[in-house]
Amino acid sequence: MTISASAPEPASLASVEAIVENLAAVGYIASRRIATALFMASHLTKPILVEGSAGVGKTELALSTAAMLGLPLIRMQCYEGLDESRALYEWKYGKQLLYTQILKDRIGETLGDAPTMDLAMDRLHGMADLFFSEPFLEPRPLLQALRTEAGCVLLIDEVDKADEAFEAFLLEILSAYQVSVPELGVIKAVTPPIVFLTSNNVRDLGDALKRRCLHLHIPLPDAKLEQRIVSTRVPGIEEALNHQLVGFVQKLRAMDLRKSPSISETVDWARVLLLLHAHALEGEMVRDTLNVLLKFEQDIAAVEPQINELIKAG
């Protein structure tokens, strides 16, 4: 079924099929579910909350969408303790200090000859107050995204690492694409950005934030999709080797490991095997490069005795 856009949109977003095709053109192999989420987000002007284990392609989806649309990507990495001054704006304190010094000198010149206090105060009120104004404003990622006239892709990465207070602060931006700056008033987006929020489920996100977003869960791919991803991301990989290495990785994911290999680790491993001029998996080579796939020594120790069996089974 083809879902057509009802409003003028870039051709890349005209249908779910167009999104699948155009994301593939920039190296991102999207499932139909992913493309449908992006289609809905662009036409309903809603953010997408992308969840899934680390390395399944959440951040890459935002990067690829920006590349597909030819828009700038503005990225905000979340962490514990992130606040408005780092995410939205802060004042240029050094410049304000210099302004204060200049203002002090000028006030003396302007008010020095005032015969009365009332007249001095009148002159003071007539002077422009620039201390909290645009020339002294330093925009941070969220404000930059709202002010990008031609639109942009805004990536709020790992939002689950930020505090709940910051999550609440995001609500105005996610629902109305605007922010309130006490000294300047409400700043509304010229062109609403396409917003991706990613989460690794470090903590549960609040219902209010989820209500404002379309939810997209990206699972680990099946073997067929993963082979397509490897073929796209690692040009030159032989088809037989691709089939064999993906089968090996899929077997690892069925084991009880502390951390299963992600898509990005499969792609890295394929690049390593290509670098080593491999044409097929061999026990010794797999053993020497197992640390590309597995990040805990206990996992490597559990897999090593079974490498030959896993190669045959893959």
C-alpha atoms as a PDB file:
ATOM      1  CA  MET A   1       0.000   0.000   0.000  1.00  0.00           C
ATOM      2  CA  THR A   2       1.288   3.443  -0.905  1.00  0.00           C
ATOM      3  CA  ILE A   3       0.601   6.245   1.550  1.00  0.00           C
ATOM      4  CA  SER A   4       0.672   9.594  -0.263  1.00  0.00           C
ATOM      5  CA  ALA A   5       1.392  12.944   1.264  1.00  0.00           C
ATOM      6  CA  SER A   6      -1.531  15.379   1.502  1.00  0.00           C
ATOM      7  CA  ALA A   7       0.575  18.511   1.756  1.00  0.00           C
ATOM      8  CA  PRO A   8       3.555  19.761  -0.235  1.00  0.00           C
ATOM      9  CA  GLU A   9       6.651  18.041   1.090  1.00  0.00           C
ATOM     10  CA  PRO A  10      10.119  17.237  -0.234  1.00  0.00           C
ATOM     11  CA  ALA A  11       9.946  14.431  -2.793  1.00  0.00           C
ATOM     12  CA  SER A  12      12.086  12.327  -0.453  1.00  0.00           C
ATOM     13  CA  LEU A  13       9.183  12.277   2.029  1.00  0.00           C
ATOM     14  CA  ALA A  14       6.334  11.886  -0.487  1.00  0.00           C
ATOM     15  CA  SER A  15       5.570   8.285   0.435  1.00  0.00           C
ATOM     16  CA  VAL A  16       6.777   5.440   2.600  1.00  0.00           C
ATOM     17  CA  GLU A  17       8.298   3.786  -0.449  1.00  0.00           C
ATOM     18  CA  ALA A  18      10.129   6.978  -1.396  1.00  0.00           C
ATOM     19  CA  ILE A  19      11.599   7.197   2.110  1.00  0.00           C
ATOM     20  CA  VAL A  20      12.813   3.580   1.991  1.00  0.00           C
ATOM     21  CA  GLU A  21      14.403   4.203  -1.397  1.00  0.00           C
ATOM     22  CA  ASN A  22      15.971   7.555  -0.547  1.00  0.00           C
ATOM     23  CA  LEU A  23      17.345   6.425   2.814  1.00  0.00           C
ATOM     24  CA  ALA A  24      18.951   3.479   1.024  1.00  0.00           C
ATOM     25  CA  ALA A  25      20.554   5.936  -1.386  1.00  0.00           C
ATOM     26  CA  VAL A  26      22.405   7.527   1.540  1.00  0.00           C
ATOM     27  CA  GLY A  27      23.387   4.148   3.020  1.00  0.00           C
ATOM     28  CA  TYR A  28      20.596   3.499   5.548  1.00  0.00           C
ATOM     29  CA  ILE A  29      18.583   0.322   5.013  1.00  0.00           C
ATOM     30  CA  ALA A  30      15.239   1.102   6.638  1.00  0.00           C
ATOM     31  CA  SER A  31      12.455  -1.311   7.401  1.00  0.00           C
ATOM     32  CA  ARG A  32       8.952  -0.305   6.367  1.00  0.00           C
ATOM     33  CA  ARG A  33       8.109   0.413  10.010  1.00  0.00           C
ATOM     34  CA  ILE A  34      10.958   2.922  10.260  1.00  0.00           C
ATOM     35  CA  ALA A  35       9.982   4.622   7.004  1.00  0.00           C
ATOM     36  CA  THR A  36       6.336   4.825   8.071  1.00  0.00           C
ATOM     37  CA  ALA A  37       7.324   6.470  11.362  1.00  0.00           C
ATOM     38  CA  LEU A  38       9.376   9.080   9.505  1.00  0.00           C
ATOM     39  CA  PHE A  39       6.546   9.667   7.027  1.00  0.00           C
ATOM     40  CA  MET A  40       4.042  10.251   9.837  1.00  0.00           C
ATOM     41  CA  ALA A  41       6.434  12.469  11.798  1.00  0.00           C
ATOM     42  CA  SER A  42       7.112  14.748   8.844  1.00  0.00           C
ATOM     43  CA  HIS A  43       3.435  15.104   7.893  1.00  0.00           C
ATOM     44  CA  LEU A  44       2.058  15.438  11.432  1.00  0.00           C
ATOM     45  CA  THR A  45       4.980  17.614  12.603  1.00  0.00           C
ATOM     46  CA  LYS A  46       5.677  15.404  15.583  1.00  0.00           C
ATOM     47  CA  PRO A  47       8.984  14.273  17.111  1.00  0.00           C
ATOM     48  CA  ILE A  48      10.010  10.614  16.941  1.00  0.00           C
ATOM     49  CA  LEU A  49      11.152   8.871  20.116  1.00  0.00           C
ATOM     50  CA  VAL A  50      13.449   6.096  18.901  1.00  0.00           C
ATOM     51  CA  GLU A  51      14.188   3.280  21.336  1.00  0.00           C
ATOM     52  CA  GLY A  52      16.236   0.113  21.034  1.00  0.00           C
ATOM     53  CA  SER A  53      19.472  -1.371  22.271  1.00  0.00           C
ATOM     54  CA  ALA A  54      22.735   0.471  21.654  1.00  0.00           C
ATOM     55  CA  GLY A  55      24.095   0.133  18.148  1.00  0.00           C
ATOM     56  CA  VAL A  56      20.877  -0.718  16.271  1.00  0.00           C
ATOM     57  CA  GLY A  57      20.958   2.478  14.206  1.00  0.00           C
ATOM     58  CA  LYS A  58      18.958   5.046  16.197  1.00  0.00           C
ATOM     59  CA  THR A  59      21.447   7.891  15.846  1.00  0.00           C
ATOM     60  CA  GLU A  60      22.295   6.807  12.325  1.00  0.00           C
ATOM     61  CA  LEU A  61      18.635   7.244  11.359  1.00  0.00           C
ATOM     62  CA  ALA A  62      18.799  10.949  12.238  1.00  0.00           C
ATOM     63  CA  LEU A  63      22.121  11.403  10.449  1.00  0.00           C
ATOM     64  CA  SER A  64      20.806   9.651   7.349  1.00  0.00           C
ATOM     65  CA  THR A  65      17.555  11.638   7.355  1.00  0.00           C
ATOM     66  CA  ALA A  66      19.546  14.880   7.380  1.00  0.00           C
ATOM     67  CA  ALA A  67      21.697  13.598   4.515  1.00  0.00           C
ATOM     68  CA  MET A  68      18.621  12.465   2.575  1.00  0.00           C
ATOM     69  CA  LEU A  69      16.908  15.860   2.901  1.00  0.00           C
ATOM     70  CA  GLY A  70      20.064  17.922   2.488  1.00  0.00           C
ATOM     71  CA  LEU A  71      19.398  19.616   5.839  1.00  0.00           C
ATOM     72  CA  PRO A  72      21.875  20.473   8.590  1.00  0.00           C
ATOM     73  CA  LEU A  73      21.933  18.154  11.589  1.00  0.00           C
ATOM     74  CA  ILE A  74      21.952  19.813  15.008  1.00  0.00           C
ATOM     75  CA  ARG A  75      22.858  17.326  17.714  1.00  0.00           C
ATOM     76  CA  MET A  76      22.433  17.640  21.448  1.00  0.00           C
ATOM     77  CA  GLN A  77      24.027  14.899  23.537  1.00  0.00           C
ATOM     78  CA  CYS A  78      22.176  14.435  26.824  1.00  0.00           C
ATOM     79  CA  TYR A  79      23.848  13.651  30.134  1.00  0.00           C
ATOM     80  CA  GLU A  80      23.104  13.866  33.828  1.00  0.00           C
ATOM     81  CA  GLY A  81      23.095  17.490  34.955  1.00  0.00           C
ATOM     82  CA  LEU A  82      22.332  18.961  31.503  1.00  0.00           C
ATOM     83  CA  ASP A  83      20.480  22.251  31.957  1.00  0.00           C
ATOM     84  CA  GLU A  84      18.949  25.088  29.954  1.00  0.00           C
ATOM     85  CA  SER A  85      22.165  27.055  29.711  1.00  0.00           C
ATOM     86  CA  ARG A  86      23.848  24.187  27.853  1.00  0.00           C
ATOM     87  CA  ALA A  87      20.827  23.168  25.801  1.00  0.00           C
ATOM     88  CA  LEU A  88      18.996  26.399  24.957  1.00  0.00           C
ATOM     89  CA  TYR A  89      21.022  29.560  25.468  1.00  0.00           C
ATOM     90  CA  GLU A  90      23.328  31.430  27.776  1.00  0.00           C
ATOM     91  CA  TRP A  91      24.460  35.021  28.039  1.00  0.00           C
ATOM     92  CA  LYS A  92      27.886  36.131  26.877  1.00  0.00           C
ATOM     93  CA  TYR A  93      29.103  37.220  30.307  1.00  0.00           C
ATOM     94  CA  GLY A  94      32.462  38.510  29.139  1.00  0.00           C
ATOM     95  CA  LYS A  95      30.829  40.748  26.548  1.00  0.00           C
ATOM     96  CA  GLN A  96      28.260  41.900  29.109  1.00  0.00           C
ATOM     97  CA  LEU A  97      31.092  42.846  31.486  1.00  0.00           C
ATOM     98  CA  LEU A  98      32.757  44.981  28.816  1.00  0.00           C
ATOM     99  CA  TYR A  99      29.398  46.567  28.055  1.00  0.00           C
ATOM    100  CA  THR A 100      29.009  47.413  31.739  1.00  0.00           C
ATOM    101  CA  GLN A 101      32.376  49.170  31.787  1.00  0.00           C
ATOM    102  CA  ILE A 102      31.518  51.218  28.689  1.00  0.00           C
ATOM    103  CA  LEU A 103      28.089  52.006  30.091  1.00  0.00           C
ATOM    104  CA  LYS A 104      29.622  53.234  33.349  1.00  0.00           C
ATOM    105  CA  ASP A 105      31.804  55.735  31.457  1.00  0.00           C
ATOM    106  CA  ARG A 106      28.940  56.920  29.269  1.00  0.00           C
ATOM    107  CA  ILE A 107      26.577  57.366  32.191  1.00  0.00           C
ATOM    108  CA  GLY A 108      29.006  59.758  33.789  1.00  0.00           C
ATOM    109  CA  GLU A 109      29.183  61.809  30.580  1.00  0.00           C
ATOM    110  CA  THR A 110      25.408  61.770  30.093  1.00  0.00           C
ATOM    111  CA  LEU A 111      24.232  62.400  33.627  1.00  0.00           C
ATOM    112  CA  GLY A 112      27.089  64.447  35.016  1.00  0.00           C
ATOM    113  CA  ASP A 113      25.610  67.813  34.091  1.00  0.00           C
ATOM    114  CA  ALA A 114      22.029  67.006  35.133  1.00  0.00           C
ATOM    115  CA  PRO A 115      20.977  69.741  37.588  1.00  0.00           C
ATOM    116  CA  THR A 116      18.537  67.562  39.538  1.00  0.00           C
ATOM    117  CA  MET A 117      18.114  63.913  40.470  1.00  0.00           C
ATOM    118  CA  ASP A 118      14.777  63.702  38.673  1.00  0.00           C
ATOM    119  CA  LEU A 119      16.295  64.931  35.434  1.00  0.00           C
ATOM    120  CA  ALA A 120      19.191  62.472  35.810  1.00  0.00           C
ATOM    121  CA  MET A 121      16.690  59.627  36.272  1.00  0.00           C
ATOM    122  CA  ASP A 122      14.739  60.736  33.194  1.00  0.00           C
ATOM    123  CA  ARG A 123      17.916  60.625  31.129  1.00  0.00           C
ATOM    124  CA  LEU A 124      18.781  57.226  32.592  1.00  0.00           C
ATOM    125  CA  HIS A 125      15.367  55.796  31.662  1.00  0.00           C
ATOM    126  CA  GLY A 126      15.835  57.114  28.116  1.00  0.00           C
ATOM    127  CA  MET A 127      18.961  55.056  27.596  1.00  0.00           C
ATOM    128  CA  ALA A 128      18.505  51.712  25.816  1.00  0.00           C
ATOM    129  CA  ASP A 129      18.938  48.665  28.042  1.00  0.00           C
ATOM    130  CA  LEU A 130      20.934  46.196  25.983  1.00  0.00           C
ATOM    131  CA  PHE A 131      22.284  44.041  28.798  1.00  0.00           C
ATOM    132  CA  PHE A 132      19.844  41.177  28.093  1.00  0.00           C
ATOM    133  CA  SER A 133      19.369  41.477  24.352  1.00  0.00           C
ATOM    134  CA  GLU A 134      20.181  39.581  21.174  1.00  0.00           C
ATOM    135  CA  PRO A 135      23.784  40.831  20.800  1.00  0.00           C
ATOM    136  CA  PHE A 136      24.639  39.180  24.112  1.00  0.00           C
ATOM    137  CA  LEU A 137      22.763  35.918  23.498  1.00  0.00           C
ATOM    138  CA  GLU A 138      24.710  32.703  22.819  1.00  0.00           C
ATOM    139  CA  PRO A 139      22.314  30.173  21.184  1.00  0.00           C
ATOM    140  CA  ARG A 140      22.767  26.516  22.099  1.00  0.00           C
ATOM    141  CA  PRO A 141      21.491  23.514  20.067  1.00  0.00           C
ATOM    142  CA  LEU A 142      17.759  23.823  20.822  1.00  0.00           C
ATOM    143  CA  LEU A 143      17.608  27.535  20.032  1.00  0.00           C
ATOM    144  CA  GLN A 144      19.783  27.064  16.950  1.00  0.00           C
ATOM    145  CA  ALA A 145      17.316  24.441  15.692  1.00  0.00           C
ATOM    146  CA  LEU A 146      14.322  26.738  16.186  1.00  0.00           C
ATOM    147  CA  ARG A 147      16.053  29.577  14.361  1.00  0.00           C
ATOM    148  CA  THR A 148      17.200  27.630  11.299  1.00  0.00           C
ATOM    149  CA  GLU A 149      14.986  29.212   8.639  1.00  0.00           C
ATOM    150  CA  ALA A 150      15.324  26.452   6.034  1.00  0.00           C
ATOM    151  CA  GLY A 151      14.668  23.724   8.617  1.00  0.00           C
ATOM    152  CA  CYS A 152      17.003  21.163  10.083  1.00  0.00           C
ATOM    153  CA  VAL A 153      17.119  17.747  11.726  1.00  0.00           C
ATOM    154  CA  LEU A 154      17.399  18.013  15.514  1.00  0.00           C
ATOM    155  CA  LEU A 155      18.843  14.982  17.280  1.00  0.00           C
ATOM    156  CA  ILE A 156      18.325  14.878  21.061  1.00  0.00           C
ATOM    157  CA  ASP A 157      20.551  11.901  21.731  1.00  0.00           C
ATOM    158  CA  GLU A 158      20.179   9.573  24.739  1.00  0.00           C
ATOM    159  CA  VAL A 159      17.459  11.660  26.370  1.00  0.00           C
ATOM    160  CA  ASP A 160      17.112   8.972  29.058  1.00  0.00           C
ATOM    161  CA  LYS A 161      20.490  10.068  30.483  1.00  0.00           C
ATOM    162  CA  ALA A 162      19.158  13.567  31.259  1.00  0.00           C
ATOM    163  CA  ASP A 163      17.379  14.397  34.506  1.00  0.00           C
ATOM    164  CA  GLU A 164      13.597  14.373  34.783  1.00  0.00           C
ATOM    165  CA  ALA A 165      13.639  18.160  35.226  1.00  0.00           C
ATOM    166  CA  PHE A 166      15.290  18.576  31.852  1.00  0.00           C
ATOM    167  CA  GLU A 167      12.819  16.157  30.314  1.00  0.00           C
ATOM    168  CA  ALA A 168      10.023  18.416  31.580  1.00  0.00           C
ATOM    169  CA  PHE A 169      11.790  21.443  30.120  1.00  0.00           C
ATOM    170  CA  LEU A 170      11.660  19.808  26.666  1.00  0.00           C
ATOM    171  CA  LEU A 171       7.873  19.557  26.649  1.00  0.00           C
ATOM    172  CA  GLU A 172       7.221  23.079  25.315  1.00  0.00           C
ATOM    173  CA  ILE A 173       9.633  22.568  22.440  1.00  0.00           C
ATOM    174  CA  LEU A 174       8.288  19.134  21.546  1.00  0.00           C
ATOM    175  CA  SER A 175       4.638  20.199  21.551  1.00  0.00           C
ATOM    176  CA  ALA A 176       4.685  23.766  20.222  1.00  0.00           C
ATOM    177  CA  TYR A 177       8.154  24.111  18.680  1.00  0.00           C
ATOM    178  CA  GLN A 178       8.768  27.195  20.763  1.00  0.00           C
ATOM    179  CA  VAL A 179      10.616  28.237  23.909  1.00  0.00           C
ATOM    180  CA  SER A 180      10.126  30.983  26.438  1.00  0.00           C
ATOM    181  CA  VAL A 181      13.157  33.129  27.207  1.00  0.00           C
ATOM    182  CA  PRO A 182      12.267  35.334  30.212  1.00  0.00           C
ATOM    183  CA  GLU A 183      14.237  38.365  28.978  1.00  0.00           C
ATOM    184  CA  LEU A 184      13.153  38.114  25.319  1.00  0.00           C
ATOM    185  CA  GLY A 185       9.731  36.450  25.317  1.00  0.00           C
ATOM    186  CA  VAL A 186       8.538  33.482  23.266  1.00  0.00           C
ATOM    187  CA  ILE A 187      10.712  32.312  20.388  1.00  0.00           C
ATOM    188  CA  LYS A 188       8.849  30.141  17.883  1.00  0.00           C
ATOM    189  CA  ALA A 189      10.399  27.978  15.186  1.00  0.00           C
ATOM    190  CA  VAL A 190      10.488  29.558  11.743  1.00  0.00           C
ATOM    191  CA  THR A 191      10.386  26.081  10.223  1.00  0.00           C
ATOM    192  CA  PRO A 192       9.715  23.237  12.678  1.00  0.00           C
ATOM    193  CA  PRO A 193      12.715  20.906  12.696  1.00  0.00           C
ATOM    194  CA  ILE A 194      12.412  17.158  12.217  1.00  0.00           C
ATOM    195  CA  VAL A 195      13.137  15.947  15.746  1.00  0.00           C
ATOM    196  CA  PHE A 196      14.562  12.599  16.795  1.00  0.00           C
ATOM    197  CA  LEU A 197      14.948  11.660  20.450  1.00  0.00           C
ATOM    198  CA  THR A 198      16.879   8.479  21.175  1.00  0.00           C
ATOM    199  CA  SER A 199      16.764   6.348  24.301  1.00  0.00           C
ATOM    200  CA  ASN A 200      18.677   3.273  25.415  1.00  0.00           C
ATOM    201  CA  ASN A 201      16.162   2.699  28.218  1.00  0.00           C
ATOM    202  CA  VAL A 202      18.591   3.678  30.983  1.00  0.00           C
ATOM    203  CA  ARG A 203      15.491   4.925  32.817  1.00  0.00           C
ATOM    204  CA  ASP A 204      11.775   5.086  32.055  1.00  0.00           C
ATOM    205  CA  LEU A 205      10.741   8.288  30.330  1.00  0.00           C
ATOM    206  CA  GLY A 206       7.703  10.219  31.540  1.00  0.00           C
ATOM    207  CA  ASP A 207       4.254   9.819  30.020  1.00  0.00           C
ATOM    208  CA  ALA A 208       4.093  13.534  29.133  1.00  0.00           C
ATOM    209  CA  LEU A 209       7.142  13.282  26.908  1.00  0.00           C
ATOM    210  CA  LYS A 210       5.950  10.041  25.307  1.00  0.00           C
ATOM    211  CA  ARG A 211       2.554  11.580  24.561  1.00  0.00           C
ATOM    212  CA  ARG A 212       4.190  14.279  22.471  1.00  0.00           C
ATOM    213  CA  CYS A 213       6.185  11.842  20.356  1.00  0.00           C
ATOM    214  CA  LEU A 214       5.641   9.057  17.877  1.00  0.00           C
ATOM    215  CA  HIS A 215       7.207   5.935  19.292  1.00  0.00           C
ATOM    216  CA  LEU A 216       9.557   3.814  17.197  1.00  0.00           C
ATOM    217  CA  HIS A 217      11.350   0.738  18.474  1.00  0.00           C
ATOM    218  CA  ILE A 218      14.205  -0.509  16.316  1.00  0.00           C
ATOM    219  CA  PRO A 219      14.912  -4.191  17.025  1.00  0.00           C
ATOM    220  CA  LEU A 220      18.005  -6.116  16.057  1.00  0.00           C
ATOM    221  CA  PRO A 221      17.578  -7.126  12.396  1.00  0.00           C
ATOM    222  CA  ASP A 222      16.938 -10.599  11.052  1.00  0.00           C
ATOM    223  CA  ALA A 223      19.679 -12.225   8.976  1.00  0.00           C
ATOM    224  CA  LYS A 224      18.306 -11.098   5.621  1.00  0.00           C
ATOM    225  CA  LEU A 225      18.076  -7.424   6.609  1.00  0.00           C
ATOM    226  CA  GLU A 226      21.449  -7.499   8.328  1.00  0.00           C
ATOM    227  CA  GLN A 227      23.109  -8.878   5.177  1.00  0.00           C
ATOM    228  CA  ARG A 228      21.634  -5.963   3.201  1.00  0.00           C
ATOM    229  CA  ILE A 229      22.960  -3.513   5.791  1.00  0.00           C
ATOM    230  CA  VAL A 230      26.458  -5.040   5.652  1.00  0.00           C
ATOM    231  CA  SER A 231      26.440  -5.035   1.826  1.00  0.00           C
ATOM    232  CA  THR A 232      25.516  -1.343   1.828  1.00  0.00           C
ATOM    233  CA  ARG A 233      27.887  -0.215   4.556  1.00  0.00           C
ATOM    234  CA  VAL A 234      30.848  -2.375   3.536  1.00  0.00           C
ATOM    235  CA  PRO A 235      31.221  -2.188  -0.234  1.00  0.00           C
ATOM    236  CA  GLY A 236      33.393  -4.984  -1.585  1.00  0.00           C
ATOM    237  CA  ILE A 237      32.390  -7.624   0.960  1.00  0.00           C
ATOM    238  CA  GLU A 238      31.909 -10.974  -0.770  1.00  0.00           C
ATOM    239  CA  GLU A 239      28.375 -12.332  -0.673  1.00  0.00           C
ATOM    240  CA  ALA A 240      29.427 -15.701   0.725  1.00  0.00           C
ATOM    241  CA  LEU A 241      31.493 -14.092   3.494  1.00  0.00           C
ATOM    242  CA  ASN A 242      28.638 -11.685   4.247  1.00  0.00           C
ATOM    243  CA  HIS A 243      26.226 -14.623   4.593  1.00  0.00           C
ATOM    244  CA  GLN A 244      28.652 -16.507   6.821  1.00  0.00           C
ATOM    245  CA  LEU A 245      29.586 -13.641   9.165  1.00  0.00           C
ATOM    246  CA  VAL A 246      25.975 -12.534   9.634  1.00  0.00           C
ATOM    247  CA  GLY A 247      25.011 -16.139  10.426  1.00  0.00           C
ATOM    248  CA  PHE A 248      27.804 -16.248  13.027  1.00  0.00           C
ATOM    249  CA  VAL A 249      26.607 -13.004  14.633  1.00  0.00           C
ATOM    250  CA  GLN A 250      23.012 -14.206  14.704  1.00  0.00           C
ATOM    251  CA  LYS A 251      24.174 -17.345  16.552  1.00  0.00           C
ATOM    252  CA  LEU A 252      26.016 -15.196  19.088  1.00  0.00           C
ATOM    253  CA  ARG A 253      22.808 -13.252  19.764  1.00  0.00           C
ATOM    254  CA  ALA A 254      21.044 -16.492  20.641  1.00  0.00           C
ATOM    255  CA  MET A 255      23.610 -17.164  23.382  1.00  0.00           C
ATOM    256  CA  ASP A 256      23.344 -15.963  26.963  1.00  0.00           C
ATOM    257  CA  LEU A 257      25.895 -13.147  26.757  1.00  0.00           C
ATOM    258  CA  ARG A 258      26.316 -10.054  28.871  1.00  0.00           C
ATOM    259  CA  LYS A 259      26.170  -7.925  25.717  1.00  0.00           C
ATOM    260  CA  SER A 260      25.144  -9.233  22.314  1.00  0.00           C
ATOM    261  CA  PRO A 261      26.784  -7.707  19.232  1.00  0.00           C
ATOM    262  CA  SER A 262      24.845  -4.827  17.674  1.00  0.00           C
ATOM    263  CA  ILE A 263      24.499  -3.910  13.999  1.00  0.00           C
ATOM    264  CA  SER A 264      27.330  -1.409  14.240  1.00  0.00           C
ATOM    265  CA  GLU A 265      29.611  -4.118  15.626  1.00  0.00           C
ATOM    266  CA  THR A 266      28.629  -6.481  12.792  1.00  0.00           C
ATOM    267  CA  VAL A 267      29.546  -3.747  10.302  1.00  0.00           C
ATOM    268  CA  ASP A 268      32.849  -3.098  12.086  1.00  0.00           C
ATOM    269  CA  TRP A 269      33.660  -6.807  12.036  1.00  0.00           C
ATOM    270  CA  ALA A 270      32.881  -7.026   8.327  1.00  0.00           C
ATOM    271  CA  ARG A 271      35.272  -4.115   7.698  1.00  0.00           C
ATOM    272  CA  VAL A 272      37.976  -5.864   9.724  1.00  0.00           C
ATOM    273  CA  LEU A 273      37.537  -9.126   7.804  1.00  0.00           C
ATOM    274  CA  LEU A 274      37.727  -7.205   4.529  1.00  0.00           C
ATOM    275  CA  LEU A 275      40.882  -5.503   5.763  1.00  0.00           C
ATOM    276  CA  LEU A 276      42.381  -8.928   6.533  1.00  0.00           C
ATOM    277  CA  HIS A 277      41.499 -10.151   3.006  1.00  0.00           C
ATOM    278  CA  ALA A 278      39.245 -12.863   4.396  1.00  0.00           C
ATOM    279  CA  HIS A 279      37.165 -14.916   1.959  1.00  0.00           C
ATOM    280  CA  ALA A 280      35.597 -17.210   4.561  1.00  0.00           C
ATOM    281  CA  LEU A 281      35.471 -17.480   8.357  1.00  0.00           C
ATOM    282  CA  GLU A 282      38.333 -19.428   9.864  1.00  0.00           C
ATOM    283  CA  GLY A 283      38.651 -20.354  13.514  1.00  0.00           C
ATOM    284  CA  GLU A 284      41.936 -18.581  14.189  1.00  0.00           C
ATOM    285  CA  MET A 285      40.875 -15.370  12.439  1.00  0.00           C
ATOM    286  CA  VAL A 286      37.559 -15.306  14.285  1.00  0.00           C
ATOM    287  CA  ARG A 287      39.360 -15.855  17.592  1.00  0.00           C
ATOM    288  CA  ASP A 288      41.785 -12.982  16.894  1.00  0.00           C
ATOM    289  CA  THR A 289      38.994 -10.550  15.981  1.00  0.00           C
ATOM    290  CA  LEU A 290      36.320 -11.615  18.437  1.00  0.00           C
ATOM    291  CA  ASN A 291      36.951  -8.469  20.497  1.00  0.00           C
ATOM    292  CA  VAL A 292      35.389  -6.428  17.691  1.00  0.00           C
ATOM    293  CA  LEU A 293      32.073  -8.155  18.357  1.00  0.00           C
ATOM    294  CA  LEU A 294      32.215  -8.833  22.088  1.00  0.00           C
ATOM    295  CA  LYS A 295      33.067  -6.182  24.682  1.00  0.00           C
ATOM    296  CA  PHE A 296      33.306  -8.261  27.856  1.00  0.00           C
ATOM    297  CA  GLU A 297      36.034 -10.769  28.602  1.00  0.00           C
ATOM    298  CA  GLN A 298      33.560 -13.202  30.128  1.00  0.00           C
ATOM    299  CA  ASP A 299      31.614 -13.237  26.840  1.00  0.00           C
ATOM    300  CA  ILE A 300      34.778 -13.878  24.830  1.00  0.00           C
ATOM    301  CA  ALA A 301      35.724 -16.699  27.215  1.00  0.00           C
ATOM    302  CA  ALA A 302      32.265 -18.242  26.798  1.00  0.00           C
ATOM    303  CA  VAL A 303      32.341 -18.085  22.998  1.00  0.00           C
ATOM    304  CA  GLU A 304      35.946 -19.105  22.247  1.00  0.00           C
ATOM    305  CA  PRO A 305      35.509 -22.857  22.908  1.00  0.00           C
ATOM    306  CA  GLN A 306      32.517 -22.911  20.549  1.00  0.00           C
ATOM    307  CA  ILE A 307      33.935 -20.920  17.626  1.00  0.00           C
ATOM    308  CA  ASN A 308      34.351 -23.829  15.210  1.00  0.00           C
ATOM    309  CA  GLU A 309      30.857 -25.146  15.954  1.00  0.00           C
ATOM    310  CA  LEU A 310      29.354 -21.691  15.486  1.00  0.00           C
ATOM    311  CA  ILE A 311      31.117 -21.269  12.128  1.00  0.00           C
ATOM    312  CA  LYS A 312      29.724 -24.586  10.908  1.00  0.00           C
ATOM    313  CA  ALA A 313      26.252 -23.781  12.233  1.00  0.00           C
ATOM    314  CA  GLY A 314      26.277 -20.294  10.649  1.00  0.00           C
END
